[in-house]
């Protein structure tokens, strides 16, 4: 159980960091992290970090299609976490 929690925390921190990195690069007109990478980081059990990244960095918050896909990833993420907890 502790290992699962640690893994989830690390995945969410990585997801959050990717949003911060992309926002920083967007401000400097530098090479960007792709939306697919941002969504994938959320999909692999990092949606809490992704949502925090959206709101803390105010990044991608004006793109409804992105937010809808992130919401879908959140549902899938919740199902996976619930299933893993049920196996323990």
Protein backbone atom coordinates (compact mmCIF):
# COMPACT_ATOMS: atom_id res chain seq x y z
CA UNK A 1 0.00 0.00 0.00
CA UNK A 2 2.81 2.42 0.89
CA UNK A 3 4.63 1.64 -2.34
CA UNK A 4 1.49 2.34 -4.39
CA UNK A 5 1.03 5.66 -2.61
CA UNK A 6 4.67 6.61 -3.19
CA UNK A 7 4.38 5.76 -6.90
CA UNK A 8 1.19 7.83 -7.24
CA UNK A 9 2.85 10.80 -5.53
CA UNK A 10 5.88 10.62 -7.83
CA UNK A 11 3.69 10.35 -10.95
CA UNK A 12 1.64 13.36 -9.87
CA UNK A 13 4.73 15.43 -9.10
CA UNK A 14 6.13 14.60 -12.55
CA UNK A 15 2.84 15.54 -14.20
CA UNK A 16 2.67 18.82 -12.26
CA UNK A 17 6.29 19.61 -13.17
CA UNK A 18 5.64 19.00 -16.87
CA UNK A 19 2.87 21.61 -16.84
CA UNK A 20 5.19 24.09 -15.13
CA UNK A 21 8.00 23.39 -17.59
CA UNK A 22 5.68 23.79 -20.57
CA UNK A 23 4.26 27.07 -19.24
CA UNK A 24 7.77 28.40 -18.70
CA UNK A 25 8.75 27.44 -22.23
CA UNK A 26 5.56 29.00 -23.62
CA UNK A 27 6.46 32.33 -22.02
CA UNK A 28 9.93 32.21 -23.64
CA UNK A 29 8.65 31.03 -27.04
CA UNK A 30 10.88 27.98 -26.67
CA UNK A 31 10.37 24.36 -27.71
CA UNK A 32 7.25 23.07 -25.95
CA UNK A 33 6.08 19.88 -24.29
CA UNK A 34 3.42 18.38 -26.55
CA UNK A 35 -0.21 18.17 -25.46
CA UNK A 36 -0.01 14.42 -25.98
CA UNK A 37 2.82 14.22 -23.45
CA UNK A 38 0.91 16.35 -20.96
CA UNK A 39 -2.20 14.18 -21.34
CA UNK A 40 -0.21 10.96 -21.15
CA UNK A 41 1.45 12.11 -17.95
CA UNK A 42 -2.01 12.65 -16.52
CA UNK A 43 -3.35 9.41 -17.86
CA UNK A 44 -0.73 7.28 -16.12
CA UNK A 45 -2.13 8.08 -12.69
CA UNK A 46 -1.02 11.69 -12.57
CA UNK A 47 -4.31 13.54 -13.06
CA UNK A 48 -4.21 15.26 -9.68
CA UNK A 49 -0.82 16.74 -10.58
CA UNK A 50 -2.10 17.63 -14.06
CA UNK A 51 -5.15 19.48 -12.70
CA UNK A 52 -2.98 21.29 -10.17
CA UNK A 53 -0.65 22.25 -13.03
CA UNK A 54 -3.57 23.60 -15.04
CA UNK A 55 -4.73 25.82 -12.20
CA UNK A 56 -1.46 26.77 -10.47
CA UNK A 57 0.29 27.71 -13.71
CA UNK A 58 -2.93 28.80 -15.49
CA UNK A 59 -1.78 26.63 -18.34
CA UNK A 60 -4.09 25.15 -20.96
CA UNK A 61 -7.05 26.38 -18.89
CA UNK A 62 -8.57 28.21 -21.87
CA UNK A 63 -8.58 25.15 -24.12
CA UNK A 64 -11.90 23.31 -23.63
CA UNK A 65 -10.88 20.36 -25.80
CA UNK A 66 -7.75 19.81 -23.72
CA UNK A 67 -9.70 20.09 -20.46
CA UNK A 68 -12.28 17.61 -21.73
CA UNK A 69 -9.58 15.11 -22.63
CA UNK A 70 -7.95 15.64 -19.24
CA UNK A 71 -11.31 15.01 -17.56
CA UNK A 72 -11.56 11.74 -19.51
CA UNK A 73 -8.07 10.81 -18.35
CA UNK A 74 -9.17 11.59 -14.79
CA UNK A 75 -12.03 9.12 -15.03
CA UNK A 76 -9.72 6.42 -16.38
CA UNK A 77 -7.17 7.27 -13.68
CA UNK A 78 -9.79 6.96 -10.94
CA UNK A 79 -10.92 3.57 -12.28
CA UNK A 80 -7.32 2.29 -12.33
CA UNK A 81 -6.61 3.50 -8.78
CA UNK A 82 -9.85 1.99 -7.46
CA UNK A 83 -9.07 -1.30 -9.19
CA UNK A 84 -5.55 -1.36 -7.72
CA UNK A 85 -6.87 -0.62 -4.25
CA UNK A 86 -9.43 -3.42 -4.63
CA UNK A 87 -6.62 -5.87 -5.39
CA UNK A 88 -4.79 -5.02 -2.17
